[in-house]
Amino acid sequence: REIHFCYGHRLLEYDGKCRYLHGH
C-alpha cells in the first residue's frame, strides 16, 4: 500500500542542509 503525506524535520548535529527546518 502506498501512502502520501507531508512532513517537516531537521537533523541535529548534522553538517548539511538538513540541519535546518524544512519539509518533504
PDBML (XML) file of the C-alpha atoms, coordinates in Angstrom:
<?xml version="1.0" encoding="UTF-8" ?>
<PDBx:datablock datablockName="MODEL"
   xmlns:PDBx="http://pdbml.pdb.org/schema/pdbx-v50.xsd"
   xmlns:xsi="http://www.w3.org/2001/XMLSchema-instance"
   xsi:schemaLocation="http://pdbml.pdb.org/schema/pdbx-v50.xsd pdbx-v50.xsd">
   <PDBx:atom_siteCategory>
      <PDBx:atom_site id="1">
         <PDBx:B_iso_or_equiv>0.00</PDBx:B_iso_or_equiv>
         <PDBx:Cartn_x>0.000</PDBx:Cartn_x>
         <PDBx:Cartn_y>0.000</PDBx:Cartn_y>
         <PDBx:Cartn_z>0.000</PDBx:Cartn_z>
         <PDBx:auth_asym_id>A</PDBx:auth_asym_id>
         <PDBx:auth_atom_id>CA</PDBx:auth_atom_id>
         <PDBx:auth_comp_id>ARG</PDBx:auth_comp_id>
         <PDBx:auth_seq_id>1</PDBx:auth_seq_id>
         <PDBx:group_PDB>ATOM</PDBx:group_PDB>
         <PDBx:label_alt_id xsi:nil="true" />
         <PDBx:label_asym_id>A</PDBx:label_asym_id>
         <PDBx:label_atom_id>CA</PDBx:label_atom_id>
         <PDBx:label_comp_id>ARG</PDBx:label_comp_id>
         <PDBx:label_entity_id>1</PDBx:label_entity_id>
         <PDBx:label_seq_id>1</PDBx:label_seq_id>
         <PDBx:occupancy>1.00</PDBx:occupancy>
         <PDBx:pdbx_PDB_model_num>1</PDBx:pdbx_PDB_model_num>
         <PDBx:type_symbol>C</PDBx:type_symbol>
      </PDBx:atom_site>
      <PDBx:atom_site id="2">
         <PDBx:B_iso_or_equiv>0.00</PDBx:B_iso_or_equiv>
         <PDBx:Cartn_x>1.345</PDBx:Cartn_x>
         <PDBx:Cartn_y>3.431</PDBx:Cartn_y>
         <PDBx:Cartn_z>-0.941</PDBx:Cartn_z>
         <PDBx:auth_asym_id>A</PDBx:auth_asym_id>
         <PDBx:auth_atom_id>CA</PDBx:auth_atom_id>
         <PDBx:auth_comp_id>GLU</PDBx:auth_comp_id>
         <PDBx:auth_seq_id>2</PDBx:auth_seq_id>
         <PDBx:group_PDB>ATOM</PDBx:group_PDB>
         <PDBx:label_alt_id xsi:nil="true" />
         <PDBx:label_asym_id>A</PDBx:label_asym_id>
         <PDBx:label_atom_id>CA</PDBx:label_atom_id>
         <PDBx:label_comp_id>GLU</PDBx:label_comp_id>
         <PDBx:label_entity_id>1</PDBx:label_entity_id>
         <PDBx:label_seq_id>2</PDBx:label_seq_id>
         <PDBx:occupancy>1.00</PDBx:occupancy>
         <PDBx:pdbx_PDB_model_num>1</PDBx:pdbx_PDB_model_num>
         <PDBx:type_symbol>C</PDBx:type_symbol>
      </PDBx:atom_site>
      <PDBx:atom_site id="3">
         <PDBx:B_iso_or_equiv>0.00</PDBx:B_iso_or_equiv>
         <PDBx:Cartn_x>0.556</PDBx:Cartn_x>
         <PDBx:Cartn_y>6.401</PDBx:Cartn_y>
         <PDBx:Cartn_z>1.302</PDBx:Cartn_z>
         <PDBx:auth_asym_id>A</PDBx:auth_asym_id>
         <PDBx:auth_atom_id>CA</PDBx:auth_atom_id>
         <PDBx:auth_comp_id>ILE</PDBx:auth_comp_id>
         <PDBx:auth_seq_id>3</PDBx:auth_seq_id>
         <PDBx:group_PDB>ATOM</PDBx:group_PDB>
         <PDBx:label_alt_id xsi:nil="true" />
         <PDBx:label_asym_id>A</PDBx:label_asym_id>
         <PDBx:label_atom_id>CA</PDBx:label_atom_id>
         <PDBx:label_comp_id>ILE</PDBx:label_comp_id>
         <PDBx:label_entity_id>1</PDBx:label_entity_id>
         <PDBx:label_seq_id>3</PDBx:label_seq_id>
         <PDBx:occupancy>1.00</PDBx:occupancy>
         <PDBx:pdbx_PDB_model_num>1</PDBx:pdbx_PDB_model_num>
         <PDBx:type_symbol>C</PDBx:type_symbol>
      </PDBx:atom_site>
      <PDBx:atom_site id="4">
         <PDBx:B_iso_or_equiv>0.00</PDBx:B_iso_or_equiv>
         <PDBx:Cartn_x>1.468</PDBx:Cartn_x>
         <PDBx:Cartn_y>10.025</PDBx:Cartn_y>
         <PDBx:Cartn_z>0.632</PDBx:Cartn_z>
         <PDBx:auth_asym_id>A</PDBx:auth_asym_id>
         <PDBx:auth_atom_id>CA</PDBx:auth_atom_id>
         <PDBx:auth_comp_id>HIS</PDBx:auth_comp_id>
         <PDBx:auth_seq_id>4</PDBx:auth_seq_id>
         <PDBx:group_PDB>ATOM</PDBx:group_PDB>
         <PDBx:label_alt_id xsi:nil="true" />
         <PDBx:label_asym_id>A</PDBx:label_asym_id>
         <PDBx:label_atom_id>CA</PDBx:label_atom_id>
         <PDBx:label_comp_id>HIS</PDBx:label_comp_id>
         <PDBx:label_entity_id>1</PDBx:label_entity_id>
         <PDBx:label_seq_id>4</PDBx:label_seq_id>
         <PDBx:occupancy>1.00</PDBx:occupancy>
         <PDBx:pdbx_PDB_model_num>1</PDBx:pdbx_PDB_model_num>
         <PDBx:type_symbol>C</PDBx:type_symbol>
      </PDBx:atom_site>
      <PDBx:atom_site id="5">
         <PDBx:B_iso_or_equiv>0.00</PDBx:B_iso_or_equiv>
         <PDBx:Cartn_x>1.971</PDBx:Cartn_x>
         <PDBx:Cartn_y>12.598</PDBx:Cartn_y>
         <PDBx:Cartn_z>3.370</PDBx:Cartn_z>
         <PDBx:auth_asym_id>A</PDBx:auth_asym_id>
         <PDBx:auth_atom_id>CA</PDBx:auth_atom_id>
         <PDBx:auth_comp_id>PHE</PDBx:auth_comp_id>
         <PDBx:auth_seq_id>5</PDBx:auth_seq_id>
         <PDBx:group_PDB>ATOM</PDBx:group_PDB>
         <PDBx:label_alt_id xsi:nil="true" />
         <PDBx:label_asym_id>A</PDBx:label_asym_id>
         <PDBx:label_atom_id>CA</PDBx:label_atom_id>
         <PDBx:label_comp_id>PHE</PDBx:label_comp_id>
         <PDBx:label_entity_id>1</PDBx:label_entity_id>
         <PDBx:label_seq_id>5</PDBx:label_seq_id>
         <PDBx:occupancy>1.00</PDBx:occupancy>
         <PDBx:pdbx_PDB_model_num>1</PDBx:pdbx_PDB_model_num>
         <PDBx:type_symbol>C</PDBx:type_symbol>
      </PDBx:atom_site>
      <PDBx:atom_site id="6">
         <PDBx:B_iso_or_equiv>0.00</PDBx:B_iso_or_equiv>
         <PDBx:Cartn_x>3.789</PDBx:Cartn_x>
         <PDBx:Cartn_y>15.852</PDBx:Cartn_y>
         <PDBx:Cartn_z>4.029</PDBx:Cartn_z>
         <PDBx:auth_asym_id>A</PDBx:auth_asym_id>
         <PDBx:auth_atom_id>CA</PDBx:auth_atom_id>
         <PDBx:auth_comp_id>CYS</PDBx:auth_comp_id>
         <PDBx:auth_seq_id>6</PDBx:auth_seq_id>
         <PDBx:group_PDB>ATOM</PDBx:group_PDB>
         <PDBx:label_alt_id xsi:nil="true" />
         <PDBx:label_asym_id>A</PDBx:label_asym_id>
         <PDBx:label_atom_id>CA</PDBx:label_atom_id>
         <PDBx:label_comp_id>CYS</PDBx:label_comp_id>
         <PDBx:label_entity_id>1</PDBx:label_entity_id>
         <PDBx:label_seq_id>6</PDBx:label_seq_id>
         <PDBx:occupancy>1.00</PDBx:occupancy>
         <PDBx:pdbx_PDB_model_num>1</PDBx:pdbx_PDB_model_num>
         <PDBx:type_symbol>C</PDBx:type_symbol>
      </PDBx:atom_site>
      <PDBx:atom_site id="7">
         <PDBx:B_iso_or_equiv>0.00</PDBx:B_iso_or_equiv>
         <PDBx:Cartn_x>6.157</PDBx:Cartn_x>
         <PDBx:Cartn_y>16.286</PDBx:Cartn_y>
         <PDBx:Cartn_z>6.923</PDBx:Cartn_z>
         <PDBx:auth_asym_id>A</PDBx:auth_asym_id>
         <PDBx:auth_atom_id>CA</PDBx:auth_atom_id>
         <PDBx:auth_comp_id>TYR</PDBx:auth_comp_id>
         <PDBx:auth_seq_id>7</PDBx:auth_seq_id>
         <PDBx:group_PDB>ATOM</PDBx:group_PDB>
         <PDBx:label_alt_id xsi:nil="true" />
         <PDBx:label_asym_id>A</PDBx:label_asym_id>
         <PDBx:label_atom_id>CA</PDBx:label_atom_id>
         <PDBx:label_comp_id>TYR</PDBx:label_comp_id>
         <PDBx:label_entity_id>1</PDBx:label_entity_id>
         <PDBx:label_seq_id>7</PDBx:label_seq_id>
         <PDBx:occupancy>1.00</PDBx:occupancy>
         <PDBx:pdbx_PDB_model_num>1</PDBx:pdbx_PDB_model_num>
         <PDBx:type_symbol>C</PDBx:type_symbol>
      </PDBx:atom_site>
      <PDBx:atom_site id="8">
         <PDBx:B_iso_or_equiv>0.00</PDBx:B_iso_or_equiv>
         <PDBx:Cartn_x>8.896</PDBx:Cartn_x>
         <PDBx:Cartn_y>18.551</PDBx:Cartn_y>
         <PDBx:Cartn_z>8.163</PDBx:Cartn_z>
         <PDBx:auth_asym_id>A</PDBx:auth_asym_id>
         <PDBx:auth_atom_id>CA</PDBx:auth_atom_id>
         <PDBx:auth_comp_id>GLY</PDBx:auth_comp_id>
         <PDBx:auth_seq_id>8</PDBx:auth_seq_id>
         <PDBx:group_PDB>ATOM</PDBx:group_PDB>
         <PDBx:label_alt_id xsi:nil="true" />
         <PDBx:label_asym_id>A</PDBx:label_asym_id>
         <PDBx:label_atom_id>CA</PDBx:label_atom_id>
         <PDBx:label_comp_id>GLY</PDBx:label_comp_id>
         <PDBx:label_entity_id>1</PDBx:label_entity_id>
         <PDBx:label_seq_id>8</PDBx:label_seq_id>
         <PDBx:occupancy>1.00</PDBx:occupancy>
         <PDBx:pdbx_PDB_model_num>1</PDBx:pdbx_PDB_model_num>
         <PDBx:type_symbol>C</PDBx:type_symbol>
      </PDBx:atom_site>
      <PDBx:atom_site id="9">
         <PDBx:B_iso_or_equiv>0.00</PDBx:B_iso_or_equiv>
         <PDBx:Cartn_x>12.036</PDBx:Cartn_x>
         <PDBx:Cartn_y>17.790</PDBx:Cartn_y>
         <PDBx:Cartn_z>10.114</PDBx:Cartn_z>
         <PDBx:auth_asym_id>A</PDBx:auth_asym_id>
         <PDBx:auth_atom_id>CA</PDBx:auth_atom_id>
         <PDBx:auth_comp_id>HIS</PDBx:auth_comp_id>
         <PDBx:auth_seq_id>9</PDBx:auth_seq_id>
         <PDBx:group_PDB>ATOM</PDBx:group_PDB>
         <PDBx:label_alt_id xsi:nil="true" />
         <PDBx:label_asym_id>A</PDBx:label_asym_id>
         <PDBx:label_atom_id>CA</PDBx:label_atom_id>
         <PDBx:label_comp_id>HIS</PDBx:label_comp_id>
         <PDBx:label_entity_id>1</PDBx:label_entity_id>
         <PDBx:label_seq_id>9</PDBx:label_seq_id>
         <PDBx:occupancy>1.00</PDBx:occupancy>
         <PDBx:pdbx_PDB_model_num>1</PDBx:pdbx_PDB_model_num>
         <PDBx:type_symbol>C</PDBx:type_symbol>
      </PDBx:atom_site>
      <PDBx:atom_site id="10">
         <PDBx:B_iso_or_equiv>0.00</PDBx:B_iso_or_equiv>
         <PDBx:Cartn_x>15.602</PDBx:Cartn_x>
         <PDBx:Cartn_y>18.741</PDBx:Cartn_y>
         <PDBx:Cartn_z>10.769</PDBx:Cartn_z>
         <PDBx:auth_asym_id>A</PDBx:auth_asym_id>
         <PDBx:auth_atom_id>CA</PDBx:auth_atom_id>
         <PDBx:auth_comp_id>ARG</PDBx:auth_comp_id>
         <PDBx:auth_seq_id>10</PDBx:auth_seq_id>
         <PDBx:group_PDB>ATOM</PDBx:group_PDB>
         <PDBx:label_alt_id xsi:nil="true" />
         <PDBx:label_asym_id>A</PDBx:label_asym_id>
         <PDBx:label_atom_id>CA</PDBx:label_atom_id>
         <PDBx:label_comp_id>ARG</PDBx:label_comp_id>
         <PDBx:label_entity_id>1</PDBx:label_entity_id>
         <PDBx:label_seq_id>10</PDBx:label_seq_id>
         <PDBx:occupancy>1.00</PDBx:occupancy>
         <PDBx:pdbx_PDB_model_num>1</PDBx:pdbx_PDB_model_num>
         <PDBx:type_symbol>C</PDBx:type_symbol>
      </PDBx:atom_site>
      <PDBx:atom_site id="11">
         <PDBx:B_iso_or_equiv>0.00</PDBx:B_iso_or_equiv>
         <PDBx:Cartn_x>18.667</PDBx:Cartn_x>
         <PDBx:Cartn_y>16.787</PDBx:Cartn_y>
         <PDBx:Cartn_z>11.799</PDBx:Cartn_z>
         <PDBx:auth_asym_id>A</PDBx:auth_asym_id>
         <PDBx:auth_atom_id>CA</PDBx:auth_atom_id>
         <PDBx:auth_comp_id>LEU</PDBx:auth_comp_id>
         <PDBx:auth_seq_id>11</PDBx:auth_seq_id>
         <PDBx:group_PDB>ATOM</PDBx:group_PDB>
         <PDBx:label_alt_id xsi:nil="true" />
         <PDBx:label_asym_id>A</PDBx:label_asym_id>
         <PDBx:label_atom_id>CA</PDBx:label_atom_id>
         <PDBx:label_comp_id>LEU</PDBx:label_comp_id>
         <PDBx:label_entity_id>1</PDBx:label_entity_id>
         <PDBx:label_seq_id>11</PDBx:label_seq_id>
         <PDBx:occupancy>1.00</PDBx:occupancy>
         <PDBx:pdbx_PDB_model_num>1</PDBx:pdbx_PDB_model_num>
         <PDBx:type_symbol>C</PDBx:type_symbol>
      </PDBx:atom_site>
      <PDBx:atom_site id="12">
         <PDBx:B_iso_or_equiv>0.00</PDBx:B_iso_or_equiv>
         <PDBx:Cartn_x>20.569</PDBx:Cartn_x>
         <PDBx:Cartn_y>17.920</PDBx:Cartn_y>
         <PDBx:Cartn_z>14.858</PDBx:Cartn_z>
         <PDBx:auth_asym_id>A</PDBx:auth_asym_id>
         <PDBx:auth_atom_id>CA</PDBx:auth_atom_id>
         <PDBx:auth_comp_id>LEU</PDBx:auth_comp_id>
         <PDBx:auth_seq_id>12</PDBx:auth_seq_id>
         <PDBx:group_PDB>ATOM</PDBx:group_PDB>
         <PDBx:label_alt_id xsi:nil="true" />
         <PDBx:label_asym_id>A</PDBx:label_asym_id>
         <PDBx:label_atom_id>CA</PDBx:label_atom_id>
         <PDBx:label_comp_id>LEU</PDBx:label_comp_id>
         <PDBx:label_entity_id>1</PDBx:label_entity_id>
         <PDBx:label_seq_id>12</PDBx:label_seq_id>
         <PDBx:occupancy>1.00</PDBx:occupancy>
         <PDBx:pdbx_PDB_model_num>1</PDBx:pdbx_PDB_model_num>
         <PDBx:type_symbol>C</PDBx:type_symbol>
      </PDBx:atom_site>
      <PDBx:atom_site id="13">
         <PDBx:B_iso_or_equiv>0.00</PDBx:B_iso_or_equiv>
         <PDBx:Cartn_x>24.381</PDBx:Cartn_x>
         <PDBx:Cartn_y>17.743</PDBx:Cartn_y>
         <PDBx:Cartn_z>14.788</PDBx:Cartn_z>
         <PDBx:auth_asym_id>A</PDBx:auth_asym_id>
         <PDBx:auth_atom_id>CA</PDBx:auth_atom_id>
         <PDBx:auth_comp_id>GLU</PDBx:auth_comp_id>
         <PDBx:auth_seq_id>13</PDBx:auth_seq_id>
         <PDBx:group_PDB>ATOM</PDBx:group_PDB>
         <PDBx:label_alt_id xsi:nil="true" />
         <PDBx:label_asym_id>A</PDBx:label_asym_id>
         <PDBx:label_atom_id>CA</PDBx:label_atom_id>
         <PDBx:label_comp_id>GLU</PDBx:label_comp_id>
         <PDBx:label_entity_id>1</PDBx:label_entity_id>
         <PDBx:label_seq_id>13</PDBx:label_seq_id>
         <PDBx:occupancy>1.00</PDBx:occupancy>
         <PDBx:pdbx_PDB_model_num>1</PDBx:pdbx_PDB_model_num>
         <PDBx:type_symbol>C</PDBx:type_symbol>
      </PDBx:atom_site>
      <PDBx:atom_site id="14">
         <PDBx:B_iso_or_equiv>0.00</PDBx:B_iso_or_equiv>
         <PDBx:Cartn_x>24.304</PDBx:Cartn_x>
         <PDBx:Cartn_y>17.359</PDBx:Cartn_y>
         <PDBx:Cartn_z>11.000</PDBx:Cartn_z>
         <PDBx:auth_asym_id>A</PDBx:auth_asym_id>
         <PDBx:auth_atom_id>CA</PDBx:auth_atom_id>
         <PDBx:auth_comp_id>TYR</PDBx:auth_comp_id>
         <PDBx:auth_seq_id>14</PDBx:auth_seq_id>
         <PDBx:group_PDB>ATOM</PDBx:group_PDB>
         <PDBx:label_alt_id xsi:nil="true" />
         <PDBx:label_asym_id>A</PDBx:label_asym_id>
         <PDBx:label_atom_id>CA</PDBx:label_atom_id>
         <PDBx:label_comp_id>TYR</PDBx:label_comp_id>
         <PDBx:label_entity_id>1</PDBx:label_entity_id>
         <PDBx:label_seq_id>14</PDBx:label_seq_id>
         <PDBx:occupancy>1.00</PDBx:occupancy>
         <PDBx:pdbx_PDB_model_num>1</PDBx:pdbx_PDB_model_num>
         <PDBx:type_symbol>C</PDBx:type_symbol>
      </PDBx:atom_site>
      <PDBx:atom_site id="15">
         <PDBx:B_iso_or_equiv>0.00</PDBx:B_iso_or_equiv>
         <PDBx:Cartn_x>26.666</PDBx:Cartn_x>
         <PDBx:Cartn_y>19.376</PDBx:Cartn_y>
         <PDBx:Cartn_z>8.799</PDBx:Cartn_z>
         <PDBx:auth_asym_id>A</PDBx:auth_asym_id>
         <PDBx:auth_atom_id>CA</PDBx:auth_atom_id>
         <PDBx:auth_comp_id>ASP</PDBx:auth_comp_id>
         <PDBx:auth_seq_id>15</PDBx:auth_seq_id>
         <PDBx:group_PDB>ATOM</PDBx:group_PDB>
         <PDBx:label_alt_id xsi:nil="true" />
         <PDBx:label_asym_id>A</PDBx:label_asym_id>
         <PDBx:label_atom_id>CA</PDBx:label_atom_id>
         <PDBx:label_comp_id>ASP</PDBx:label_comp_id>
         <PDBx:label_entity_id>1</PDBx:label_entity_id>
         <PDBx:label_seq_id>15</PDBx:label_seq_id>
         <PDBx:occupancy>1.00</PDBx:occupancy>
         <PDBx:pdbx_PDB_model_num>1</PDBx:pdbx_PDB_model_num>
         <PDBx:type_symbol>C</PDBx:type_symbol>
      </PDBx:atom_site>
      <PDBx:atom_site id="16">
         <PDBx:B_iso_or_equiv>0.00</PDBx:B_iso_or_equiv>
         <PDBx:Cartn_x>24.494</PDBx:Cartn_x>
         <PDBx:Cartn_y>19.874</PDBx:Cartn_y>
         <PDBx:Cartn_z>5.742</PDBx:Cartn_z>
         <PDBx:auth_asym_id>A</PDBx:auth_asym_id>
         <PDBx:auth_atom_id>CA</PDBx:auth_atom_id>
         <PDBx:auth_comp_id>GLY</PDBx:auth_comp_id>
         <PDBx:auth_seq_id>16</PDBx:auth_seq_id>
         <PDBx:group_PDB>ATOM</PDBx:group_PDB>
         <PDBx:label_alt_id xsi:nil="true" />
         <PDBx:label_asym_id>A</PDBx:label_asym_id>
         <PDBx:label_atom_id>CA</PDBx:label_atom_id>
         <PDBx:label_comp_id>GLY</PDBx:label_comp_id>
         <PDBx:label_entity_id>1</PDBx:label_entity_id>
         <PDBx:label_seq_id>16</PDBx:label_seq_id>
         <PDBx:occupancy>1.00</PDBx:occupancy>
         <PDBx:pdbx_PDB_model_num>1</PDBx:pdbx_PDB_model_num>
         <PDBx:type_symbol>C</PDBx:type_symbol>
      </PDBx:atom_site>
      <PDBx:atom_site id="17">
         <PDBx:B_iso_or_equiv>0.00</PDBx:B_iso_or_equiv>
         <PDBx:Cartn_x>21.286</PDBx:Cartn_x>
         <PDBx:Cartn_y>21.492</PDBx:Cartn_y>
         <PDBx:Cartn_z>4.527</PDBx:Cartn_z>
         <PDBx:auth_asym_id>A</PDBx:auth_asym_id>
         <PDBx:auth_atom_id>CA</PDBx:auth_atom_id>
         <PDBx:auth_comp_id>LYS</PDBx:auth_comp_id>
         <PDBx:auth_seq_id>17</PDBx:auth_seq_id>
         <PDBx:group_PDB>ATOM</PDBx:group_PDB>
         <PDBx:label_alt_id xsi:nil="true" />
         <PDBx:label_asym_id>A</PDBx:label_asym_id>
         <PDBx:label_atom_id>CA</PDBx:label_atom_id>
         <PDBx:label_comp_id>LYS</PDBx:label_comp_id>
         <PDBx:label_entity_id>1</PDBx:label_entity_id>
         <PDBx:label_seq_id>17</PDBx:label_seq_id>
         <PDBx:occupancy>1.00</PDBx:occupancy>
         <PDBx:pdbx_PDB_model_num>1</PDBx:pdbx_PDB_model_num>
         <PDBx:type_symbol>C</PDBx:type_symbol>
      </PDBx:atom_site>
      <PDBx:atom_site id="18">
         <PDBx:B_iso_or_equiv>0.00</PDBx:B_iso_or_equiv>
         <PDBx:Cartn_x>19.116</PDBx:Cartn_x>
         <PDBx:Cartn_y>19.126</PDBx:Cartn_y>
         <PDBx:Cartn_z>6.559</PDBx:Cartn_z>
         <PDBx:auth_asym_id>A</PDBx:auth_asym_id>
         <PDBx:auth_atom_id>CA</PDBx:auth_atom_id>
         <PDBx:auth_comp_id>CYS</PDBx:auth_comp_id>
         <PDBx:auth_seq_id>18</PDBx:auth_seq_id>
         <PDBx:group_PDB>ATOM</PDBx:group_PDB>
         <PDBx:label_alt_id xsi:nil="true" />
         <PDBx:label_asym_id>A</PDBx:label_asym_id>
         <PDBx:label_atom_id>CA</PDBx:label_atom_id>
         <PDBx:label_comp_id>CYS</PDBx:label_comp_id>
         <PDBx:label_entity_id>1</PDBx:label_entity_id>
         <PDBx:label_seq_id>18</PDBx:label_seq_id>
         <PDBx:occupancy>1.00</PDBx:occupancy>
         <PDBx:pdbx_PDB_model_num>1</PDBx:pdbx_PDB_model_num>
         <PDBx:type_symbol>C</PDBx:type_symbol>
      </PDBx:atom_site>
      <PDBx:atom_site id="19">
         <PDBx:B_iso_or_equiv>0.00</PDBx:B_iso_or_equiv>
         <PDBx:Cartn_x>20.242</PDBx:Cartn_x>
         <PDBx:Cartn_y>20.816</PDBx:Cartn_y>
         <PDBx:Cartn_z>9.769</PDBx:Cartn_z>
         <PDBx:auth_asym_id>A</PDBx:auth_asym_id>
         <PDBx:auth_atom_id>CA</PDBx:auth_atom_id>
         <PDBx:auth_comp_id>ARG</PDBx:auth_comp_id>
         <PDBx:auth_seq_id>19</PDBx:auth_seq_id>
         <PDBx:group_PDB>ATOM</PDBx:group_PDB>
         <PDBx:label_alt_id xsi:nil="true" />
         <PDBx:label_asym_id>A</PDBx:label_asym_id>
         <PDBx:label_atom_id>CA</PDBx:label_atom_id>
         <PDBx:label_comp_id>ARG</PDBx:label_comp_id>
         <PDBx:label_entity_id>1</PDBx:label_entity_id>
         <PDBx:label_seq_id>19</PDBx:label_seq_id>
         <PDBx:occupancy>1.00</PDBx:occupancy>
         <PDBx:pdbx_PDB_model_num>1</PDBx:pdbx_PDB_model_num>
         <PDBx:type_symbol>C</PDBx:type_symbol>
      </PDBx:atom_site>
      <PDBx:atom_site id="20">
         <PDBx:B_iso_or_equiv>0.00</PDBx:B_iso_or_equiv>
         <PDBx:Cartn_x>17.632</PDBx:Cartn_x>
         <PDBx:Cartn_y>23.491</PDBx:Cartn_y>
         <PDBx:Cartn_z>9.002</PDBx:Cartn_z>
         <PDBx:auth_asym_id>A</PDBx:auth_asym_id>
         <PDBx:auth_atom_id>CA</PDBx:auth_atom_id>
         <PDBx:auth_comp_id>TYR</PDBx:auth_comp_id>
         <PDBx:auth_seq_id>20</PDBx:auth_seq_id>
         <PDBx:group_PDB>ATOM</PDBx:group_PDB>
         <PDBx:label_alt_id xsi:nil="true" />
         <PDBx:label_asym_id>A</PDBx:label_asym_id>
         <PDBx:label_atom_id>CA</PDBx:label_atom_id>
         <PDBx:label_comp_id>TYR</PDBx:label_comp_id>
         <PDBx:label_entity_id>1</PDBx:label_entity_id>
         <PDBx:label_seq_id>20</PDBx:label_seq_id>
         <PDBx:occupancy>1.00</PDBx:occupancy>
         <PDBx:pdbx_PDB_model_num>1</PDBx:pdbx_PDB_model_num>
         <PDBx:type_symbol>C</PDBx:type_symbol>
      </PDBx:atom_site>
      <PDBx:atom_site id="21">
         <PDBx:B_iso_or_equiv>0.00</PDBx:B_iso_or_equiv>
         <PDBx:Cartn_x>13.877</PDBx:Cartn_x>
         <PDBx:Cartn_y>23.112</PDBx:Cartn_y>
         <PDBx:Cartn_z>9.454</PDBx:Cartn_z>
         <PDBx:auth_asym_id>A</PDBx:auth_asym_id>
         <PDBx:auth_atom_id>CA</PDBx:auth_atom_id>
         <PDBx:auth_comp_id>LEU</PDBx:auth_comp_id>
         <PDBx:auth_seq_id>21</PDBx:auth_seq_id>
         <PDBx:group_PDB>ATOM</PDBx:group_PDB>
         <PDBx:label_alt_id xsi:nil="true" />
         <PDBx:label_asym_id>A</PDBx:label_asym_id>
         <PDBx:label_atom_id>CA</PDBx:label_atom_id>
         <PDBx:label_comp_id>LEU</PDBx:label_comp_id>
         <PDBx:label_entity_id>1</PDBx:label_entity_id>
         <PDBx:label_seq_id>21</PDBx:label_seq_id>
         <PDBx:occupancy>1.00</PDBx:occupancy>
         <PDBx:pdbx_PDB_model_num>1</PDBx:pdbx_PDB_model_num>
         <PDBx:type_symbol>C</PDBx:type_symbol>
      </PDBx:atom_site>
      <PDBx:atom_site id="22">
         <PDBx:B_iso_or_equiv>0.00</PDBx:B_iso_or_equiv>
         <PDBx:Cartn_x>12.459</PDBx:Cartn_x>
         <PDBx:Cartn_y>22.006</PDBx:Cartn_y>
         <PDBx:Cartn_z>6.109</PDBx:Cartn_z>
         <PDBx:auth_asym_id>A</PDBx:auth_asym_id>
         <PDBx:auth_atom_id>CA</PDBx:auth_atom_id>
         <PDBx:auth_comp_id>HIS</PDBx:auth_comp_id>
         <PDBx:auth_seq_id>22</PDBx:auth_seq_id>
         <PDBx:group_PDB>ATOM</PDBx:group_PDB>
         <PDBx:label_alt_id xsi:nil="true" />
         <PDBx:label_asym_id>A</PDBx:label_asym_id>
         <PDBx:label_atom_id>CA</PDBx:label_atom_id>
         <PDBx:label_comp_id>HIS</PDBx:label_comp_id>
         <PDBx:label_entity_id>1</PDBx:label_entity_id>
         <PDBx:label_seq_id>22</PDBx:label_seq_id>
         <PDBx:occupancy>1.00</PDBx:occupancy>
         <PDBx:pdbx_PDB_model_num>1</PDBx:pdbx_PDB_model_num>
         <PDBx:type_symbol>C</PDBx:type_symbol>
      </PDBx:atom_site>
      <PDBx:atom_site id="23">
         <PDBx:B_iso_or_equiv>0.00</PDBx:B_iso_or_equiv>
         <PDBx:Cartn_x>9.724</PDBx:Cartn_x>
         <PDBx:Cartn_y>19.849</PDBx:Cartn_y>
         <PDBx:Cartn_z>4.630</PDBx:Cartn_z>
         <PDBx:auth_asym_id>A</PDBx:auth_asym_id>
         <PDBx:auth_atom_id>CA</PDBx:auth_atom_id>
         <PDBx:auth_comp_id>GLY</PDBx:auth_comp_id>
         <PDBx:auth_seq_id>23</PDBx:auth_seq_id>
         <PDBx:group_PDB>ATOM</PDBx:group_PDB>
         <PDBx:label_alt_id xsi:nil="true" />
         <PDBx:label_asym_id>A</PDBx:label_asym_id>
         <PDBx:label_atom_id>CA</PDBx:label_atom_id>
         <PDBx:label_comp_id>GLY</PDBx:label_comp_id>
         <PDBx:label_entity_id>1</PDBx:label_entity_id>
         <PDBx:label_seq_id>23</PDBx:label_seq_id>
         <PDBx:occupancy>1.00</PDBx:occupancy>
         <PDBx:pdbx_PDB_model_num>1</PDBx:pdbx_PDB_model_num>
         <PDBx:type_symbol>C</PDBx:type_symbol>
      </PDBx:atom_site>
      <PDBx:atom_site id="24">
         <PDBx:B_iso_or_equiv>0.00</PDBx:B_iso_or_equiv>
         <PDBx:Cartn_x>9.141</PDBx:Cartn_x>
         <PDBx:Cartn_y>16.918</PDBx:Cartn_y>
         <PDBx:Cartn_z>2.310</PDBx:Cartn_z>
         <PDBx:auth_asym_id>A</PDBx:auth_asym_id>
         <PDBx:auth_atom_id>CA</PDBx:auth_atom_id>
         <PDBx:auth_comp_id>HIS</PDBx:auth_comp_id>
         <PDBx:auth_seq_id>24</PDBx:auth_seq_id>
         <PDBx:group_PDB>ATOM</PDBx:group_PDB>
         <PDBx:label_alt_id xsi:nil="true" />
         <PDBx:label_asym_id>A</PDBx:label_asym_id>
         <PDBx:label_atom_id>CA</PDBx:label_atom_id>
         <PDBx:label_comp_id>HIS</PDBx:label_comp_id>
         <PDBx:label_entity_id>1</PDBx:label_entity_id>
         <PDBx:label_seq_id>24</PDBx:label_seq_id>
         <PDBx:occupancy>1.00</PDBx:occupancy>
         <PDBx:pdbx_PDB_model_num>1</PDBx:pdbx_PDB_model_num>
         <PDBx:type_symbol>C</PDBx:type_symbol>
      </PDBx:atom_site>
   </PDBx:atom_siteCategory>
</PDBx:datablock>
